[in-house]
Amino acid sequence: MMILTISTPPHFRFWATVSSHGWCMLPPFDYDDGARTLSRVQQLRDGRVVRLTLSEAPGGLAIAVEGAAPSPDEQAEIIGAVNHMLNLDRDFSDFYAHISGHPRYGWIETVGAGRMLSSPTVWEDLTKTLLTTNTTWNMTIQMCRRLITLGDPYPAGGYAFPTPERLAAMNPDDLNAQVRAGYRGAYLHELANRIASGELDVESWRDPALPSADLYKRIKGLKGFGDYAAGSMLKLLGHFDRLATDTACRAVYRDRINGGNAAADDREIAAYYAPFGRWQGLVQWMDVMEDDLRHL
C-alpha cells in the first residue's frame, strides 16, 4: 500500500465535503462515519483497478492506495481524481464573504460546508443524477448498486464505475434488465452511446470558463434532464447561480424559512434566494443539508 498526501485549501473541511449530499452512499463510494474515511474503487486510465481510502492528515489529506505501488503517472491521475471529487481547486472565499453576518447562514463557514462531493468524471455524475429523477432515494441506491456490477471488479471486492463504452456496447434491453431503471434505462444507454462515440465531450464541461447559461442549456439537451436535474448537475460542476427546486427543497423552505406555514410556490422560493446571486443554488442546498452538516 502507498500513502499519497496532498494539501488542502483554506476553509476546507473533509467530512463536511464528504457529507455534503448522498453521493457518499452510492457505489463505488463507500464511507465510514466513525472512522471518518471515504473509500472508492477506481479504474485508472491504463485499465488498472485500485481502491482508494481518503482520510484527514496533518495539513491536508492522506490517500491510501491499495495494491502494488502506483507509477508516477498513476499517482498524478489519482491526485487529479481526488481534486475533482473534493473540489479542492475551487475558491469559496467569496461565498463565505457573501453570507457573512447572515442570521441564518453563519453556521456554514463555521463547519467549513459548501464544497460538494462529486465523482471523478462528469459521466458518472450525469449517470447518478439521472438515476435520482422521479424516484425515491432508496430506489436510486438500488439502481446504482445494480449498475456498478457492470464495471470491472476489484480483486478484494467491489467494482469500478462502468465506462460509457461498456454500457454503449450492451443491448439496451440487457442494460435495463440489469439496472432496472425504467424509462431512465433508454436515456442512460443513449447518453453512453453519445459519449463513447465522441459526439459528446462531457468532461470538457468542467471548464470554469464555460458560461453557466450555456452549460445549463447543454445539460437540458440530454434526455431525462429537466430543470431539477440540470440545476443539480450545475452545482456539481461548480455553478451555483440556478436553483434546483424539488419536493425536499419545498418542504425545507416551508418548515425552516416560512415558519411551517402553507407551502410556498416556486416563485416565492426563487425570490427568497435571488439576493444570493451566483451562490443562490448553493445556499438553497445548504438549507436542505443543514441538519446533516451543522453539527459535524
C-alpha atoms as a PDB file:
ATOM      1  CA  MET A   1       0.000   0.000   0.000  1.00  0.00           C
ATOM      2  CA  MET A   2       1.217   3.506  -0.836  1.00  0.00           C
ATOM      3  CA  ILE A   3       0.103   6.633   1.020  1.00  0.00           C
ATOM      4  CA  LEU A   4      -0.116   9.820  -1.015  1.00  0.00           C
ATOM      5  CA  THR A   5      -0.543  13.132   0.782  1.00  0.00           C
ATOM      6  CA  ILE A   6      -1.987  16.336  -0.618  1.00  0.00           C
ATOM      7  CA  SER A   7      -2.544  19.782   0.861  1.00  0.00           C
ATOM      8  CA  THR A   8      -5.986  21.338   1.122  1.00  0.00           C
ATOM      9  CA  PRO A   9      -7.143  24.953   0.720  1.00  0.00           C
ATOM     10  CA  PRO A  10      -8.329  27.328   3.461  1.00  0.00           C
ATOM     11  CA  HIS A  11     -11.840  26.674   4.799  1.00  0.00           C
ATOM     12  CA  PHE A  12     -11.737  23.082   3.539  1.00  0.00           C
ATOM     13  CA  ARG A  13     -13.310  20.520   5.858  1.00  0.00           C
ATOM     14  CA  PHE A  14     -13.029  16.936   4.720  1.00  0.00           C
ATOM     15  CA  TRP A  15     -16.051  15.437   6.430  1.00  0.00           C
ATOM     16  CA  ALA A  16     -18.343  18.342   5.616  1.00  0.00           C
ATOM     17  CA  THR A  17     -17.475  17.787   1.948  1.00  0.00           C
ATOM     18  CA  VAL A  18     -17.974  14.018   2.138  1.00  0.00           C
ATOM     19  CA  SER A  19     -21.341  14.538   3.877  1.00  0.00           C
ATOM     20  CA  SER A  20     -22.468  17.302   1.533  1.00  0.00           C
ATOM     21  CA  HIS A  21     -25.035  15.094  -0.182  1.00  0.00           C
ATOM     22  CA  GLY A  22     -25.848  11.473  -0.860  1.00  0.00           C
ATOM     23  CA  TRP A  23     -23.078  10.646  -3.340  1.00  0.00           C
ATOM     24  CA  CYS A  24     -21.029   9.143  -0.494  1.00  0.00           C
ATOM     25  CA  MET A  25     -23.730   6.454  -0.228  1.00  0.00           C
ATOM     26  CA  LEU A  26     -23.616   5.494  -3.906  1.00  0.00           C
ATOM     27  CA  PRO A  27     -21.034   2.958  -5.121  1.00  0.00           C
ATOM     28  CA  PRO A  28     -18.230   2.897  -5.938  1.00  0.00           C
ATOM     29  CA  PHE A  29     -18.036   5.326  -2.994  1.00  0.00           C
ATOM     30  CA  ASP A  30     -18.144   3.868   0.497  1.00  0.00           C
ATOM     31  CA  TYR A  31     -17.769   5.809   3.724  1.00  0.00           C
ATOM     32  CA  ASP A  32     -17.182   5.090   7.402  1.00  0.00           C
ATOM     33  CA  ASP A  33     -18.734   7.772   9.582  1.00  0.00           C
ATOM     34  CA  GLY A  34     -16.980   6.513  12.715  1.00  0.00           C
ATOM     35  CA  ALA A  35     -13.508   6.363  11.192  1.00  0.00           C
ATOM     36  CA  ARG A  36     -14.180   9.436   9.011  1.00  0.00           C
ATOM     37  CA  THR A  37     -12.874   7.759   5.866  1.00  0.00           C
ATOM     38  CA  LEU A  38     -14.107   7.819   2.286  1.00  0.00           C
ATOM     39  CA  SER A  39     -13.227   4.868   0.052  1.00  0.00           C
ATOM     40  CA  ARG A  40     -13.677   4.244  -3.613  1.00  0.00           C
ATOM     41  CA  VAL A  41     -12.841   1.572  -6.184  1.00  0.00           C
ATOM     42  CA  GLN A  42     -11.290   3.452  -9.084  1.00  0.00           C
ATOM     43  CA  GLN A  43     -10.317   2.343 -12.578  1.00  0.00           C
ATOM     44  CA  LEU A  44      -7.267   4.168 -13.884  1.00  0.00           C
ATOM     45  CA  ARG A  45      -6.690   5.151 -17.499  1.00  0.00           C
ATOM     46  CA  ASP A  46      -4.386   2.185 -18.084  1.00  0.00           C
ATOM     47  CA  GLY A  47      -7.187  -0.187 -17.005  1.00  0.00           C
ATOM     48  CA  ARG A  48      -5.825  -0.974 -13.560  1.00  0.00           C
ATOM     49  CA  VAL A  49      -8.428  -1.075 -10.768  1.00  0.00           C
ATOM     50  CA  VAL A  50      -7.416   0.166  -7.315  1.00  0.00           C
ATOM     51  CA  ARG A  51      -9.077   1.008  -4.036  1.00  0.00           C
ATOM     52  CA  LEU A  52      -8.517   4.481  -2.618  1.00  0.00           C
ATOM     53  CA  THR A  53      -9.191   5.398   1.002  1.00  0.00           C
ATOM     54  CA  LEU A  54      -9.153   9.061   1.950  1.00  0.00           C
ATOM     55  CA  SER A  55      -8.706  10.442   5.446  1.00  0.00           C
ATOM     56  CA  GLU A  56      -7.566  13.644   7.100  1.00  0.00           C
ATOM     57  CA  ALA A  57      -3.845  14.106   7.668  1.00  0.00           C
ATOM     58  CA  PRO A  58      -1.822  16.957   9.185  1.00  0.00           C
ATOM     59  CA  GLY A  59      -2.143  19.878   6.802  1.00  0.00           C
ATOM     60  CA  GLY A  60      -4.262  18.029   4.269  1.00  0.00           C
ATOM     61  CA  LEU A  61      -5.385  14.581   3.190  1.00  0.00           C
ATOM     62  CA  ALA A  62      -3.926  11.100   3.070  1.00  0.00           C
ATOM     63  CA  ILE A  63      -4.830   8.831   0.133  1.00  0.00           C
ATOM     64  CA  ALA A  64      -4.164   5.153   0.788  1.00  0.00           C
ATOM     65  CA  VAL A  65      -3.767   3.253  -2.494  1.00  0.00           C
ATOM     66  CA  GLU A  66      -4.211  -0.499  -2.007  1.00  0.00           C
ATOM     67  CA  GLY A  67      -2.168  -2.965  -4.042  1.00  0.00           C
ATOM     68  CA  ALA A  68       1.032  -2.526  -5.989  1.00  0.00           C
ATOM     69  CA  ALA A  69       2.594   0.919  -5.752  1.00  0.00           C
ATOM     70  CA  PRO A  70       1.199   3.227  -8.461  1.00  0.00           C
ATOM     71  CA  SER A  71       3.573   4.656 -11.040  1.00  0.00           C
ATOM     72  CA  PRO A  72       4.271   8.417 -11.070  1.00  0.00           C
ATOM     73  CA  ASP A  73       1.683   8.853 -13.849  1.00  0.00           C
ATOM     74  CA  GLU A  74      -0.870   6.846 -11.870  1.00  0.00           C
ATOM     75  CA  GLN A  75      -0.132   8.888  -8.754  1.00  0.00           C
ATOM     76  CA  ALA A  76      -0.784  12.099 -10.685  1.00  0.00           C
ATOM     77  CA  GLU A  77      -4.029  10.634 -12.051  1.00  0.00           C
ATOM     78  CA  ILE A  78      -5.187   9.607  -8.565  1.00  0.00           C
ATOM     79  CA  ILE A  79      -4.431  13.033  -7.114  1.00  0.00           C
ATOM     80  CA  GLY A  80      -6.298  14.643 -10.010  1.00  0.00           C
ATOM     81  CA  ALA A  81      -9.317  12.423  -9.356  1.00  0.00           C
ATOM     82  CA  VAL A  82      -9.312  13.355  -5.665  1.00  0.00           C
ATOM     83  CA  ASN A  83      -9.085  17.050  -6.573  1.00  0.00           C
ATOM     84  CA  HIS A  84     -12.195  16.626  -8.724  1.00  0.00           C
ATOM     85  CA  MET A  85     -14.082  14.656  -6.072  1.00  0.00           C
ATOM     86  CA  LEU A  86     -13.452  17.156  -3.287  1.00  0.00           C
ATOM     87  CA  ASN A  87     -13.364  20.326  -5.429  1.00  0.00           C
ATOM     88  CA  LEU A  88     -10.012  21.310  -3.978  1.00  0.00           C
ATOM     89  CA  ASP A  89      -9.242  23.737  -6.789  1.00  0.00           C
ATOM     90  CA  ARG A  90     -12.340  25.888  -6.200  1.00  0.00           C
ATOM     91  CA  ASP A  91     -12.239  29.105  -4.184  1.00  0.00           C
ATOM     92  CA  PHE A  92     -15.170  29.554  -1.820  1.00  0.00           C
ATOM     93  CA  SER A  93     -13.908  32.685  -0.066  1.00  0.00           C
ATOM     94  CA  ASP A  94     -16.405  34.852  -1.964  1.00  0.00           C
ATOM     95  CA  PHE A  95     -19.221  32.516  -0.917  1.00  0.00           C
ATOM     96  CA  TYR A  96     -18.305  32.871   2.756  1.00  0.00           C
ATOM     97  CA  ALA A  97     -17.985  36.639   2.360  1.00  0.00           C
ATOM     98  CA  HIS A  98     -21.417  36.740   0.703  1.00  0.00           C
ATOM     99  CA  ILE A  99     -23.162  35.017   3.618  1.00  0.00           C
ATOM    100  CA  SER A 100     -21.032  36.557   6.378  1.00  0.00           C
ATOM    101  CA  GLY A 101     -23.213  38.008   9.114  1.00  0.00           C
ATOM    102  CA  HIS A 102     -26.421  36.494   7.757  1.00  0.00           C
ATOM    103  CA  PRO A 103     -28.503  35.331  10.731  1.00  0.00           C
ATOM    104  CA  ARG A 104     -29.459  32.049   9.089  1.00  0.00           C
ATOM    105  CA  TYR A 105     -26.201  31.034   7.486  1.00  0.00           C
ATOM    106  CA  GLY A 106     -23.368  31.791   9.886  1.00  0.00           C
ATOM    107  CA  TRP A 107     -23.019  28.073  10.637  1.00  0.00           C
ATOM    108  CA  ILE A 108     -21.875  27.285   7.077  1.00  0.00           C
ATOM    109  CA  GLU A 109     -18.408  28.805   7.336  1.00  0.00           C
ATOM    110  CA  THR A 110     -18.041  27.564  10.932  1.00  0.00           C
ATOM    111  CA  VAL A 111     -18.276  23.931   9.828  1.00  0.00           C
ATOM    112  CA  GLY A 112     -16.500  24.514   6.505  1.00  0.00           C
ATOM    113  CA  ALA A 113     -19.507  23.491   4.416  1.00  0.00           C
ATOM    114  CA  GLY A 114     -20.055  24.493   0.804  1.00  0.00           C
ATOM    115  CA  ARG A 115     -17.997  22.084  -1.255  1.00  0.00           C
ATOM    116  CA  MET A 116     -19.979  19.192  -2.706  1.00  0.00           C
ATOM    117  CA  LEU A 117     -18.607  15.693  -3.162  1.00  0.00           C
ATOM    118  CA  SER A 118     -18.617  14.835  -6.853  1.00  0.00           C
ATOM    119  CA  SER A 119     -17.415  11.965  -8.990  1.00  0.00           C
ATOM    120  CA  PRO A 120     -14.043  11.836 -10.759  1.00  0.00           C
ATOM    121  CA  THR A 121     -15.875  12.049 -14.109  1.00  0.00           C
ATOM    122  CA  VAL A 122     -18.775  14.105 -15.380  1.00  0.00           C
ATOM    123  CA  TRP A 123     -20.075  10.873 -16.940  1.00  0.00           C
ATOM    124  CA  GLU A 124     -20.531   9.312 -13.515  1.00  0.00           C
ATOM    125  CA  ASP A 125     -22.186  12.433 -12.096  1.00  0.00           C
ATOM    126  CA  LEU A 126     -24.595  12.578 -15.040  1.00  0.00           C
ATOM    127  CA  THR A 127     -25.484   8.916 -14.633  1.00  0.00           C
ATOM    128  CA  LYS A 128     -26.137   9.199 -10.916  1.00  0.00           C
ATOM    129  CA  THR A 129     -28.122  12.399 -11.348  1.00  0.00           C
ATOM    130  CA  LEU A 130     -30.285  10.708 -13.979  1.00  0.00           C
ATOM    131  CA  LEU A 131     -30.968   7.871 -11.538  1.00  0.00           C
ATOM    132  CA  THR A 132     -32.246  10.366  -8.944  1.00  0.00           C
ATOM    133  CA  THR A 133     -35.022  11.695 -11.172  1.00  0.00           C
ATOM    134  CA  ASN A 134     -38.667  10.889 -10.447  1.00  0.00           C
ATOM    135  CA  THR A 135     -37.876   8.219  -7.893  1.00  0.00           C
ATOM    136  CA  THR A 136     -37.078   7.689  -4.218  1.00  0.00           C
ATOM    137  CA  TRP A 137     -33.602   7.872  -2.750  1.00  0.00           C
ATOM    138  CA  ASN A 138     -33.759   4.194  -1.800  1.00  0.00           C
ATOM    139  CA  MET A 139     -34.542   3.258  -5.398  1.00  0.00           C
ATOM    140  CA  THR A 140     -31.613   5.397  -6.592  1.00  0.00           C
ATOM    141  CA  ILE A 141     -29.293   3.475  -4.262  1.00  0.00           C
ATOM    142  CA  GLN A 142     -30.604   0.149  -5.542  1.00  0.00           C
ATOM    143  CA  MET A 143     -30.234   1.158  -9.205  1.00  0.00           C
ATOM    144  CA  CYS A 144     -26.659   2.303  -8.598  1.00  0.00           C
ATOM    145  CA  ARG A 145     -25.806  -0.936  -6.810  1.00  0.00           C
ATOM    146  CA  ARG A 146     -27.031  -2.942  -9.783  1.00  0.00           C
ATOM    147  CA  LEU A 147     -25.324  -0.652 -12.286  1.00  0.00           C
ATOM    148  CA  ILE A 148     -21.936  -0.859 -10.601  1.00  0.00           C
ATOM    149  CA  THR A 149     -21.691  -4.616 -11.165  1.00  0.00           C
ATOM    150  CA  LEU A 150     -21.241  -3.845 -14.873  1.00  0.00           C
ATOM    151  CA  GLY A 151     -17.857  -2.265 -14.104  1.00  0.00           C
ATOM    152  CA  ASP A 152     -14.513  -4.002 -13.717  1.00  0.00           C
ATOM    153  CA  PRO A 153     -14.134  -5.790 -10.371  1.00  0.00           C
ATOM    154  CA  TYR A 154     -11.546  -5.078  -7.714  1.00  0.00           C
ATOM    155  CA  PRO A 155      -9.939  -8.372  -6.563  1.00  0.00           C
ATOM    156  CA  ALA A 156     -10.605  -7.712  -2.884  1.00  0.00           C
ATOM    157  CA  GLY A 157     -14.251  -6.777  -3.511  1.00  0.00           C
ATOM    158  CA  GLY A 158     -16.250  -4.070  -5.202  1.00  0.00           C
ATOM    159  CA  TYR A 159     -16.406  -2.693  -8.718  1.00  0.00           C
ATOM    160  CA  ALA A 160     -15.204   0.367 -10.566  1.00  0.00           C
ATOM    161  CA  PHE A 161     -17.836   2.579 -12.140  1.00  0.00           C
ATOM    162  CA  PRO A 162     -18.623   1.221 -15.627  1.00  0.00           C
ATOM    163  CA  THR A 163     -17.324   3.235 -18.550  1.00  0.00           C
ATOM    164  CA  PRO A 164     -19.669   4.720 -21.157  1.00  0.00           C
ATOM    165  CA  GLU A 165     -18.048   2.367 -23.695  1.00  0.00           C
ATOM    166  CA  ARG A 166     -19.071  -0.610 -21.566  1.00  0.00           C
ATOM    167  CA  LEU A 167     -22.717   0.452 -21.399  1.00  0.00           C
ATOM    168  CA  ALA A 168     -22.847   1.576 -25.030  1.00  0.00           C
ATOM    169  CA  ALA A 169     -21.732  -1.902 -26.139  1.00  0.00           C
ATOM    170  CA  MET A 170     -24.667  -3.506 -24.354  1.00  0.00           C
ATOM    171  CA  ASN A 171     -28.061  -4.201 -25.830  1.00  0.00           C
ATOM    172  CA  PRO A 172     -30.417  -1.576 -24.345  1.00  0.00           C
ATOM    173  CA  ASP A 173     -32.815  -4.249 -23.122  1.00  0.00           C
ATOM    174  CA  ASP A 174     -30.000  -6.167 -21.457  1.00  0.00           C
ATOM    175  CA  LEU A 175     -28.795  -2.977 -19.785  1.00  0.00           C
ATOM    176  CA  ASN A 176     -32.200  -2.216 -18.378  1.00  0.00           C
ATOM    177  CA  ALA A 177     -32.754  -5.808 -17.301  1.00  0.00           C
ATOM    178  CA  GLN A 178     -29.616  -5.426 -15.163  1.00  0.00           C
ATOM    179  CA  VAL A 179     -30.124  -1.904 -13.799  1.00  0.00           C
ATOM    180  CA  ARG A 180     -33.948  -1.912 -13.746  1.00  0.00           C
ATOM    181  CA  ALA A 181     -34.023   1.843 -14.247  1.00  0.00           C
ATOM    182  CA  GLY A 182     -37.368   2.027 -16.046  1.00  0.00           C
ATOM    183  CA  TYR A 183     -37.605   4.763 -18.658  1.00  0.00           C
ATOM    184  CA  ARG A 184     -34.198   6.057 -17.486  1.00  0.00           C
ATOM    185  CA  GLY A 185     -32.528   2.963 -18.952  1.00  0.00           C
ATOM    186  CA  ALA A 186     -33.058   4.118 -22.532  1.00  0.00           C
ATOM    187  CA  TYR A 187     -31.778   7.605 -21.673  1.00  0.00           C
ATOM    188  CA  LEU A 188     -28.717   6.141 -19.958  1.00  0.00           C
ATOM    189  CA  HIS A 189     -27.914   3.967 -22.964  1.00  0.00           C
ATOM    190  CA  GLU A 190     -28.261   6.912 -25.332  1.00  0.00           C
ATOM    191  CA  LEU A 191     -26.028   9.063 -23.117  1.00  0.00           C
ATOM    192  CA  ALA A 192     -23.389   6.320 -23.015  1.00  0.00           C
ATOM    193  CA  ASN A 193     -23.518   5.986 -26.807  1.00  0.00           C
ATOM    194  CA  ARG A 194     -23.146   9.720 -27.412  1.00  0.00           C
ATOM    195  CA  ILE A 195     -20.138   9.904 -25.103  1.00  0.00           C
ATOM    196  CA  ALA A 196     -18.496   6.695 -26.348  1.00  0.00           C
ATOM    197  CA  SER A 197     -18.874   7.767 -29.979  1.00  0.00           C
ATOM    198  CA  GLY A 198     -17.233  11.126 -29.316  1.00  0.00           C
ATOM    199  CA  GLU A 199     -20.397  13.081 -30.118  1.00  0.00           C
ATOM    200  CA  LEU A 200     -20.439  14.463 -26.566  1.00  0.00           C
ATOM    201  CA  ASP A 201     -17.360  15.581 -24.659  1.00  0.00           C
ATOM    202  CA  VAL A 202     -18.935  15.957 -21.244  1.00  0.00           C
ATOM    203  CA  GLU A 203     -15.593  16.021 -19.426  1.00  0.00           C
ATOM    204  CA  SER A 204     -14.921  19.401 -21.043  1.00  0.00           C
ATOM    205  CA  TRP A 205     -17.902  20.739 -19.092  1.00  0.00           C
ATOM    206  CA  ARG A 206     -15.631  21.122 -16.066  1.00  0.00           C
ATOM    207  CA  ASP A 207     -14.020  24.127 -17.747  1.00  0.00           C
ATOM    208  CA  PRO A 208     -14.770  27.050 -15.364  1.00  0.00           C
ATOM    209  CA  ALA A 209     -14.750  29.432 -18.320  1.00  0.00           C
ATOM    210  CA  LEU A 210     -17.962  27.889 -19.665  1.00  0.00           C
ATOM    211  CA  PRO A 211     -20.877  30.277 -19.054  1.00  0.00           C
ATOM    212  CA  SER A 212     -23.445  28.833 -16.688  1.00  0.00           C
ATOM    213  CA  ALA A 213     -26.316  29.540 -19.088  1.00  0.00           C
ATOM    214  CA  ASP A 214     -24.556  27.680 -21.885  1.00  0.00           C
ATOM    215  CA  LEU A 215     -23.787  24.728 -19.649  1.00  0.00           C
ATOM    216  CA  TYR A 216     -27.363  24.607 -18.382  1.00  0.00           C
ATOM    217  CA  LYS A 217     -28.613  24.501 -21.970  1.00  0.00           C
ATOM    218  CA  ARG A 218     -26.251  21.635 -22.821  1.00  0.00           C
ATOM    219  CA  ILE A 219     -27.418  19.592 -19.840  1.00  0.00           C
ATOM    220  CA  LYS A 220     -31.085  20.303 -20.574  1.00  0.00           C
ATOM    221  CA  GLY A 221     -30.434  18.957 -24.067  1.00  0.00           C
ATOM    222  CA  LEU A 222     -29.835  15.491 -22.622  1.00  0.00           C
ATOM    223  CA  LYS A 223     -32.854  13.210 -22.441  1.00  0.00           C
ATOM    224  CA  GLY A 224     -34.148  12.850 -18.910  1.00  0.00           C
ATOM    225  CA  PHE A 225     -32.584  16.077 -17.629  1.00  0.00           C
ATOM    226  CA  GLY A 226     -35.215  18.621 -16.696  1.00  0.00           C
ATOM    227  CA  ASP A 227     -34.833  21.761 -14.605  1.00  0.00           C
ATOM    228  CA  TYR A 228     -34.129  19.918 -11.348  1.00  0.00           C
ATOM    229  CA  ALA A 229     -31.550  17.506 -12.814  1.00  0.00           C
ATOM    230  CA  ALA A 230     -29.820  20.272 -14.787  1.00  0.00           C
ATOM    231  CA  GLY A 231     -29.683  22.519 -11.714  1.00  0.00           C
ATOM    232  CA  SER A 232     -28.248  19.672  -9.660  1.00  0.00           C
ATOM    233  CA  MET A 233     -25.562  18.976 -12.260  1.00  0.00           C
ATOM    234  CA  LEU A 234     -24.623  22.661 -12.389  1.00  0.00           C
ATOM    235  CA  LYS A 235     -23.763  22.549  -8.681  1.00  0.00           C
ATOM    236  CA  LEU A 236     -21.553  19.503  -9.189  1.00  0.00           C
ATOM    237  CA  LEU A 237     -19.787  21.409 -11.965  1.00  0.00           C
ATOM    238  CA  GLY A 238     -19.194  24.444  -9.762  1.00  0.00           C
ATOM    239  CA  HIS A 239     -22.024  26.718 -10.969  1.00  0.00           C
ATOM    240  CA  PHE A 240     -24.441  27.821  -8.258  1.00  0.00           C
ATOM    241  CA  ASP A 241     -26.450  30.597  -9.893  1.00  0.00           C
ATOM    242  CA  ARG A 242     -29.540  28.454 -10.535  1.00  0.00           C
ATOM    243  CA  LEU A 243     -31.890  26.709  -8.162  1.00  0.00           C
ATOM    244  CA  ALA A 244     -32.778  23.023  -8.320  1.00  0.00           C
ATOM    245  CA  THR A 245     -36.099  23.067  -6.518  1.00  0.00           C
ATOM    246  CA  ASP A 246     -37.677  19.719  -5.768  1.00  0.00           C
ATOM    247  CA  THR A 247     -40.015  18.282  -3.122  1.00  0.00           C
ATOM    248  CA  ALA A 248     -37.316  18.286  -0.451  1.00  0.00           C
ATOM    249  CA  CYS A 249     -36.401  21.915  -1.153  1.00  0.00           C
ATOM    250  CA  ARG A 250     -40.031  22.972  -0.951  1.00  0.00           C
ATOM    251  CA  ALA A 251     -40.510  21.171   2.365  1.00  0.00           C
ATOM    252  CA  VAL A 252     -37.375  22.750   3.835  1.00  0.00           C
ATOM    253  CA  TYR A 253     -38.468  26.211   2.709  1.00  0.00           C
ATOM    254  CA  ARG A 254     -41.902  25.697   4.257  1.00  0.00           C
ATOM    255  CA  ASP A 255     -40.553  24.432   7.585  1.00  0.00           C
ATOM    256  CA  ARG A 256     -37.356  26.454   8.065  1.00  0.00           C
ATOM    257  CA  ILE A 257     -37.988  29.709   6.287  1.00  0.00           C
ATOM    258  CA  ASN A 258     -41.771  30.010   6.035  1.00  0.00           C
ATOM    259  CA  GLY A 259     -42.322  29.027   9.662  1.00  0.00           C
ATOM    260  CA  GLY A 260     -44.201  25.838   8.864  1.00  0.00           C
ATOM    261  CA  ASN A 261     -46.998  27.777   7.195  1.00  0.00           C
ATOM    262  CA  ALA A 262     -48.652  26.866   3.924  1.00  0.00           C
ATOM    263  CA  ALA A 263     -46.285  25.673   1.230  1.00  0.00           C
ATOM    264  CA  ALA A 264     -44.852  28.421  -0.947  1.00  0.00           C
ATOM    265  CA  ASP A 265     -44.890  28.276  -4.714  1.00  0.00           C
ATOM    266  CA  ASP A 266     -41.633  28.131  -6.624  1.00  0.00           C
ATOM    267  CA  ARG A 267     -41.776  31.842  -7.482  1.00  0.00           C
ATOM    268  CA  GLU A 268     -41.724  32.766  -3.792  1.00  0.00           C
ATOM    269  CA  ILE A 269     -38.850  30.364  -3.202  1.00  0.00           C
ATOM    270  CA  ALA A 270     -36.924  31.837  -6.134  1.00  0.00           C
ATOM    271  CA  ALA A 271     -37.493  35.358  -4.804  1.00  0.00           C
ATOM    272  CA  TYR A 272     -36.078  34.404  -1.409  1.00  0.00           C
ATOM    273  CA  TYR A 273     -32.843  33.001  -2.845  1.00  0.00           C
ATOM    274  CA  ALA A 274     -32.394  35.585  -5.625  1.00  0.00           C
ATOM    275  CA  PRO A 275     -30.412  38.069  -3.433  1.00  0.00           C
ATOM    276  CA  PHE A 276     -27.686  35.441  -3.049  1.00  0.00           C
ATOM    277  CA  GLY A 277     -26.908  35.882  -6.740  1.00  0.00           C
ATOM    278  CA  ARG A 278     -24.358  33.473  -8.153  1.00  0.00           C
ATOM    279  CA  TRP A 279     -24.435  31.492  -4.900  1.00  0.00           C
ATOM    280  CA  GLN A 280     -28.201  31.046  -4.637  1.00  0.00           C
ATOM    281  CA  GLY A 281     -28.225  27.375  -5.640  1.00  0.00           C
ATOM    282  CA  LEU A 282     -25.616  26.554  -3.011  1.00  0.00           C
ATOM    283  CA  VAL A 283     -27.464  28.470  -0.282  1.00  0.00           C
ATOM    284  CA  GLN A 284     -30.613  26.526  -1.162  1.00  0.00           C
ATOM    285  CA  TRP A 285     -28.676  23.263  -0.858  1.00  0.00           C
ATOM    286  CA  MET A 286     -27.203  24.312   2.483  1.00  0.00           C
ATOM    287  CA  ASP A 287     -30.766  24.758   3.744  1.00  0.00           C
ATOM    288  CA  VAL A 288     -31.579  21.208   2.654  1.00  0.00           C
ATOM    289  CA  MET A 289     -28.453  19.758   4.267  1.00  0.00           C
ATOM    290  CA  GLU A 290     -28.368  21.851   7.441  1.00  0.00           C
ATOM    291  CA  ASP A 291     -29.331  19.047   9.831  1.00  0.00           C
ATOM    292  CA  ASP A 292     -26.639  16.767   8.396  1.00  0.00           C
ATOM    293  CA  LEU A 293     -23.862  19.340   8.301  1.00  0.00           C
ATOM    294  CA  ARG A 294     -24.392  21.813  11.121  1.00  0.00           C
ATOM    295  CA  HIS A 295     -23.288  19.567  13.971  1.00  0.00           C
ATOM    296  CA  LEU A 296     -20.461  17.614  12.346  1.00  0.00           C
END
